[in-house]
C-alpha cells in the first residue's frame, strides 16, 4: 500500500519520488513534510529515519539507547566515528539515547544525494551496533544469556555474541528456528 502523499515542495516531491523508485517502506510523519522511512539492516534489524522537507532537509535516526555502563568509552567510540560521517553526526538527547542527525540545504538535494544520505545513516546505525552493545550493555547481556540458558530459552538473538557470553557447560549453537 502506498502511503498518503506528503509532497508539497520540490524537496518533498524529490524525496517521495526517490522512495517510490527505490521501493523503500515509508509513511507520512506527524510533522508537515516528514517522511518516516524504514531501512533494513544486518546487525540492527531496521533503522527508522525521519526525513523532514522544509527550508532544508532534516535527517534523524535512532541508533541505540543510553548505555548501562562504560559511558566514557561508549561516547568516545561514537565521537571517533563522527570523524568519518560525511554530512551527518552522532548526537545524544536529554536521556542519553543516541541518534545520527544532520541538515542539508534543500536546494542541492537530488536522488543521488538522498541515496548517499540514507546510505550514511544506515552505515552509522547498523555497522557499529554490535560493538556498541558490547561496550555499553555487556553486563545486561551476560545476565540475559544466563537467564536464557537456565530456562532452556532460545539463544538465537544472542548468537553474534556467543564467543564472549558462553560459559563452560552452556549449550552449543542452536539450529536456527
C-alpha atoms as a PDB file:
ATOM      1  CA  UNK A   1       0.000   0.000   0.000  1.00  0.00           C
ATOM      2  CA  UNK A   2       1.357   3.398  -0.946  1.00  0.00           C
ATOM      3  CA  UNK A   3       1.347   5.991   1.854  1.00  0.00           C
ATOM      4  CA  UNK A   4      -0.618   9.177   1.501  1.00  0.00           C
ATOM      5  CA  UNK A   5       1.405  11.763  -0.439  1.00  0.00           C
ATOM      6  CA  UNK A   6       3.080  14.484   1.590  1.00  0.00           C
ATOM      7  CA  UNK A   7       4.714  16.256  -1.333  1.00  0.00           C
ATOM      8  CA  UNK A   8       4.068  19.984  -1.133  1.00  0.00           C
ATOM      9  CA  UNK A   9       7.511  21.322  -2.069  1.00  0.00           C
ATOM     10  CA  UNK A  10      10.108  20.436  -4.672  1.00  0.00           C
ATOM     11  CA  UNK A  11      12.198  18.767  -1.969  1.00  0.00           C
ATOM     12  CA  UNK A  12       9.228  16.724  -0.723  1.00  0.00           C
ATOM     13  CA  UNK A  13       8.426  15.652  -4.293  1.00  0.00           C
ATOM     14  CA  UNK A  14      12.063  14.623  -4.813  1.00  0.00           C
ATOM     15  CA  UNK A  15      12.023  12.560  -1.607  1.00  0.00           C
ATOM     16  CA  UNK A  16       8.728  10.931  -2.471  1.00  0.00           C
ATOM     17  CA  UNK A  17       9.930  10.024  -5.980  1.00  0.00           C
ATOM     18  CA  UNK A  18      13.198   8.617  -4.598  1.00  0.00           C
ATOM     19  CA  UNK A  19      11.373   6.464  -2.042  1.00  0.00           C
ATOM     20  CA  UNK A  20       8.964   5.144  -4.678  1.00  0.00           C
ATOM     21  CA  UNK A  21      11.735   4.462  -7.235  1.00  0.00           C
ATOM     22  CA  UNK A  22      13.722   2.525  -4.639  1.00  0.00           C
ATOM     23  CA  UNK A  23      10.685   0.750  -3.185  1.00  0.00           C
ATOM     24  CA  UNK A  24      11.548   1.851   0.351  1.00  0.00           C
ATOM     25  CA  UNK A  25       8.993   1.385   3.110  1.00  0.00           C
ATOM     26  CA  UNK A  26       7.788   4.721   4.460  1.00  0.00           C
ATOM     27  CA  UNK A  27       4.867   6.593   5.929  1.00  0.00           C
ATOM     28  CA  UNK A  28       3.991  10.227   6.432  1.00  0.00           C
ATOM     29  CA  UNK A  29       5.246  11.568   9.753  1.00  0.00           C
ATOM     30  CA  UNK A  30       3.493  13.785  12.267  1.00  0.00           C
ATOM     31  CA  UNK A  31       5.185  16.968  11.010  1.00  0.00           C
ATOM     32  CA  UNK A  32       4.483  18.729   7.720  1.00  0.00           C
ATOM     33  CA  UNK A  33       6.832  17.400   5.051  1.00  0.00           C
ATOM     34  CA  UNK A  34       8.015  14.463   7.195  1.00  0.00           C
ATOM     35  CA  UNK A  35       8.765  11.058   5.698  1.00  0.00           C
ATOM     36  CA  UNK A  36       9.406   8.213   8.141  1.00  0.00           C
ATOM     37  CA  UNK A  37      11.487   5.648   6.267  1.00  0.00           C
ATOM     38  CA  UNK A  38      12.345   2.129   7.423  1.00  0.00           C
ATOM     39  CA  UNK A  39      15.704   0.807   6.237  1.00  0.00           C
ATOM     40  CA  UNK A  40      16.576  -2.898   6.632  1.00  0.00           C
ATOM     41  CA  UNK A  41      19.832  -3.667   8.436  1.00  0.00           C
ATOM     42  CA  UNK A  42      22.130  -6.559   9.141  1.00  0.00           C
ATOM     43  CA  UNK A  43      23.206  -6.114  12.776  1.00  0.00           C
ATOM     44  CA  UNK A  44      20.375  -3.817  13.759  1.00  0.00           C
ATOM     45  CA  UNK A  45      17.283  -5.315  12.173  1.00  0.00           C
ATOM     46  CA  UNK A  46      15.940  -1.983  10.976  1.00  0.00           C
ATOM     47  CA  UNK A  47      16.687   1.698  11.191  1.00  0.00           C
ATOM     48  CA  UNK A  48      13.835   4.194  11.178  1.00  0.00           C
ATOM     49  CA  UNK A  49      14.800   7.520   9.603  1.00  0.00           C
ATOM     50  CA  UNK A  50      12.922  10.796   9.753  1.00  0.00           C
ATOM     51  CA  UNK A  51      13.387  12.998   6.672  1.00  0.00           C
ATOM     52  CA  UNK A  52      11.765  16.408   7.033  1.00  0.00           C
ATOM     53  CA  UNK A  53      11.489  18.543   3.912  1.00  0.00           C
ATOM     54  CA  UNK A  54      11.490  22.206   4.855  1.00  0.00           C
ATOM     55  CA  UNK A  55      13.837  25.091   4.090  1.00  0.00           C
ATOM     56  CA  UNK A  56      16.460  22.373   4.394  1.00  0.00           C
ATOM     57  CA  UNK A  57      16.408  18.576   4.680  1.00  0.00           C
ATOM     58  CA  UNK A  58      16.485  17.458   8.299  1.00  0.00           C
ATOM     59  CA  UNK A  59      17.668  13.877   8.843  1.00  0.00           C
ATOM     60  CA  UNK A  60      17.370  11.955  12.116  1.00  0.00           C
ATOM     61  CA  UNK A  61      17.540   8.265  13.034  1.00  0.00           C
ATOM     62  CA  UNK A  62      17.600   6.495  16.386  1.00  0.00           C
ATOM     63  CA  UNK A  63      20.740   4.380  16.800  1.00  0.00           C
ATOM     64  CA  UNK A  64      20.762   2.948  20.343  1.00  0.00           C
ATOM     65  CA  UNK A  65      19.529   3.778  23.814  1.00  0.00           C
ATOM     66  CA  UNK A  66      21.606   5.298  26.601  1.00  0.00           C
ATOM     67  CA  UNK A  67      24.223   2.712  27.629  1.00  0.00           C
ATOM     68  CA  UNK A  68      24.037   0.986  31.007  1.00  0.00           C
ATOM     69  CA  UNK A  69      27.804   1.092  31.558  1.00  0.00           C
ATOM     70  CA  UNK A  70      31.137   2.319  30.167  1.00  0.00           C
ATOM     71  CA  UNK A  71      29.701   5.698  29.178  1.00  0.00           C
ATOM     72  CA  UNK A  72      33.066   7.309  28.517  1.00  0.00           C
ATOM     73  CA  UNK A  73      34.270   4.525  26.210  1.00  0.00           C
ATOM     74  CA  UNK A  74      30.850   4.329  24.539  1.00  0.00           C
ATOM     75  CA  UNK A  75      30.629   8.024  23.708  1.00  0.00           C
ATOM     76  CA  UNK A  76      34.337   8.264  22.798  1.00  0.00           C
ATOM     77  CA  UNK A  77      33.755   5.477  20.273  1.00  0.00           C
ATOM     78  CA  UNK A  78      30.893   7.457  18.721  1.00  0.00           C
ATOM     79  CA  UNK A  79      32.883  10.698  18.635  1.00  0.00           C
ATOM     80  CA  UNK A  80      35.688   8.939  16.770  1.00  0.00           C
ATOM     81  CA  UNK A  81      33.179   7.574  14.268  1.00  0.00           C
ATOM     82  CA  UNK A  82      31.842  11.134  13.792  1.00  0.00           C
ATOM     83  CA  UNK A  83      35.112  11.957  12.030  1.00  0.00           C
ATOM     84  CA  UNK A  84      34.148   9.560   9.224  1.00  0.00           C
ATOM     85  CA  UNK A  85      30.490  10.541   8.758  1.00  0.00           C
ATOM     86  CA  UNK A  86      30.039  12.763   5.700  1.00  0.00           C
ATOM     87  CA  UNK A  87      27.407  15.410   6.416  1.00  0.00           C
ATOM     88  CA  UNK A  88      25.906  13.709   9.469  1.00  0.00           C
ATOM     89  CA  UNK A  89      26.915  13.230  13.109  1.00  0.00           C
ATOM     90  CA  UNK A  90      26.042  11.227  16.176  1.00  0.00           C
ATOM     91  CA  UNK A  91      24.160  13.159  18.837  1.00  0.00           C
ATOM     92  CA  UNK A  92      22.551  12.353  22.182  1.00  0.00           C
ATOM     93  CA  UNK A  93      19.220  13.524  23.504  1.00  0.00           C
ATOM     94  CA  UNK A  94      18.401  14.510  27.089  1.00  0.00           C
ATOM     95  CA  UNK A  95      18.047  10.836  28.047  1.00  0.00           C
ATOM     96  CA  UNK A  96      21.428   9.907  26.584  1.00  0.00           C
ATOM     97  CA  UNK A  97      19.874   7.999  23.683  1.00  0.00           C
ATOM     98  CA  UNK A  98      21.978   8.120  20.517  1.00  0.00           C
ATOM     99  CA  UNK A  99      20.820   9.419  17.138  1.00  0.00           C
ATOM    100  CA  UNK A 100      22.504  10.158  13.848  1.00  0.00           C
ATOM    101  CA  UNK A 101      21.409  13.572  12.584  1.00  0.00           C
ATOM    102  CA  UNK A 102      22.108  16.227  10.026  1.00  0.00           C
ATOM    103  CA  UNK A 103      20.795  19.078   7.913  1.00  0.00           C
ATOM    104  CA  UNK A 104      21.323  19.571   4.202  1.00  0.00           C
ATOM    105  CA  UNK A 105      20.383  22.659   2.178  1.00  0.00           C
ATOM    106  CA  UNK A 106      17.222  21.839   0.218  1.00  0.00           C
ATOM    107  CA  UNK A 107      18.476  23.412  -2.997  1.00  0.00           C
ATOM    108  CA  UNK A 108      21.065  20.728  -3.684  1.00  0.00           C
ATOM    109  CA  UNK A 109      19.117  17.624  -2.713  1.00  0.00           C
ATOM    110  CA  UNK A 110      18.548  15.206  -5.565  1.00  0.00           C
ATOM    111  CA  UNK A 111      18.001  11.444  -5.746  1.00  0.00           C
ATOM    112  CA  UNK A 112      21.745  10.709  -5.794  1.00  0.00           C
ATOM    113  CA  UNK A 113      22.279  12.750  -2.643  1.00  0.00           C
ATOM    114  CA  UNK A 114      19.290  11.102  -0.938  1.00  0.00           C
ATOM    115  CA  UNK A 115      20.804   7.722  -1.759  1.00  0.00           C
ATOM    116  CA  UNK A 116      24.109   8.818  -0.222  1.00  0.00           C
ATOM    117  CA  UNK A 117      22.437  10.285   2.883  1.00  0.00           C
ATOM    118  CA  UNK A 118      20.360   7.183   3.574  1.00  0.00           C
ATOM    119  CA  UNK A 119      23.428   5.005   2.947  1.00  0.00           C
ATOM    120  CA  UNK A 120      25.416   7.004   5.505  1.00  0.00           C
ATOM    121  CA  UNK A 121      22.540   6.822   8.015  1.00  0.00           C
ATOM    122  CA  UNK A 122      22.251   3.064   7.597  1.00  0.00           C
ATOM    123  CA  UNK A 123      26.009   2.559   7.918  1.00  0.00           C
ATOM    124  CA  UNK A 124      26.128   4.790  11.010  1.00  0.00           C
ATOM    125  CA  UNK A 125      23.261   2.959  12.726  1.00  0.00           C
ATOM    126  CA  UNK A 126      23.945  -0.612  11.615  1.00  0.00           C
ATOM    127  CA  UNK A 127      27.720  -1.119  11.336  1.00  0.00           C
ATOM    128  CA  UNK A 128      28.722  -0.263  14.943  1.00  0.00           C
ATOM    129  CA  UNK A 129      25.577  -1.679  16.566  1.00  0.00           C
ATOM    130  CA  UNK A 130      27.010  -4.940  17.957  1.00  0.00           C
ATOM    131  CA  UNK A 131      30.167  -3.208  19.138  1.00  0.00           C
ATOM    132  CA  UNK A 132      28.094  -0.549  20.907  1.00  0.00           C
ATOM    133  CA  UNK A 133      26.035  -3.274  22.581  1.00  0.00           C
ATOM    134  CA  UNK A 134      29.208  -4.909  23.918  1.00  0.00           C
ATOM    135  CA  UNK A 135      30.669  -1.616  25.160  1.00  0.00           C
ATOM    136  CA  UNK A 136      27.515  -0.285  26.781  1.00  0.00           C
ATOM    137  CA  UNK A 137      25.423  -3.329  27.716  1.00  0.00           C
ATOM    138  CA  UNK A 138      27.753  -6.298  28.365  1.00  0.00           C
ATOM    139  CA  UNK A 139      26.627  -6.871  31.967  1.00  0.00           C
ATOM    140  CA  UNK A 140      22.975  -6.965  30.878  1.00  0.00           C
ATOM    141  CA  UNK A 141      23.859  -9.286  28.013  1.00  0.00           C
ATOM    142  CA  UNK A 142      25.615 -11.694  30.417  1.00  0.00           C
ATOM    143  CA  UNK A 143      22.507 -11.698  32.647  1.00  0.00           C
ATOM    144  CA  UNK A 144      20.204 -12.280  29.669  1.00  0.00           C
ATOM    145  CA  UNK A 145      22.390 -15.151  28.418  1.00  0.00           C
ATOM    146  CA  UNK A 146      22.477 -16.828  31.851  1.00  0.00           C
ATOM    147  CA  UNK A 147      18.711 -16.422  32.275  1.00  0.00           C
ATOM    148  CA  UNK A 148      18.015 -17.959  28.862  1.00  0.00           C
ATOM    149  CA  UNK A 149      20.408 -20.869  29.474  1.00  0.00           C
ATOM    150  CA  UNK A 150      18.874 -21.553  32.902  1.00  0.00           C
ATOM    151  CA  UNK A 151      15.376 -21.721  31.391  1.00  0.00           C
ATOM    152  CA  UNK A 152      16.286 -23.520  28.172  1.00  0.00           C
ATOM    153  CA  UNK A 153      15.205 -20.482  26.143  1.00  0.00           C
ATOM    154  CA  UNK A 154      16.411 -19.747  22.638  1.00  0.00           C
ATOM    155  CA  UNK A 155      19.790 -18.017  22.375  1.00  0.00           C
ATOM    156  CA  UNK A 156      19.300 -17.166  18.706  1.00  0.00           C
ATOM    157  CA  UNK A 157      19.257 -13.370  19.055  1.00  0.00           C
ATOM    158  CA  UNK A 158      22.460 -13.519  21.138  1.00  0.00           C
ATOM    159  CA  UNK A 159      24.391 -15.831  18.771  1.00  0.00           C
ATOM    160  CA  UNK A 160      26.532 -12.960  17.448  1.00  0.00           C
ATOM    161  CA  UNK A 161      27.896 -12.606  20.988  1.00  0.00           C
ATOM    162  CA  UNK A 162      28.332 -16.308  21.856  1.00  0.00           C
ATOM    163  CA  UNK A 163      32.137 -16.064  21.977  1.00  0.00           C
ATOM    164  CA  UNK A 164      32.034 -13.503  24.795  1.00  0.00           C
ATOM    165  CA  UNK A 165      28.913 -14.724  26.615  1.00  0.00           C
ATOM    166  CA  UNK A 166      29.156 -18.538  26.606  1.00  0.00           C
ATOM    167  CA  UNK A 167      30.428 -20.235  29.755  1.00  0.00           C
ATOM    168  CA  UNK A 168      31.587 -23.808  30.286  1.00  0.00           C
ATOM    169  CA  UNK A 169      28.583 -26.105  30.361  1.00  0.00           C
ATOM    170  CA  UNK A 170      26.350 -23.824  28.272  1.00  0.00           C
ATOM    171  CA  UNK A 171      24.617 -25.453  25.301  1.00  0.00           C
ATOM    172  CA  UNK A 172      26.256 -25.415  21.886  1.00  0.00           C
ATOM    173  CA  UNK A 173      24.984 -23.365  18.945  1.00  0.00           C
ATOM    174  CA  UNK A 174      21.320 -23.898  18.181  1.00  0.00           C
ATOM    175  CA  UNK A 175      19.871 -24.691  14.805  1.00  0.00           C
ATOM    176  CA  UNK A 176      18.012 -21.627  13.502  1.00  0.00           C
ATOM    177  CA  UNK A 177      14.309 -21.742  14.307  1.00  0.00           C
END
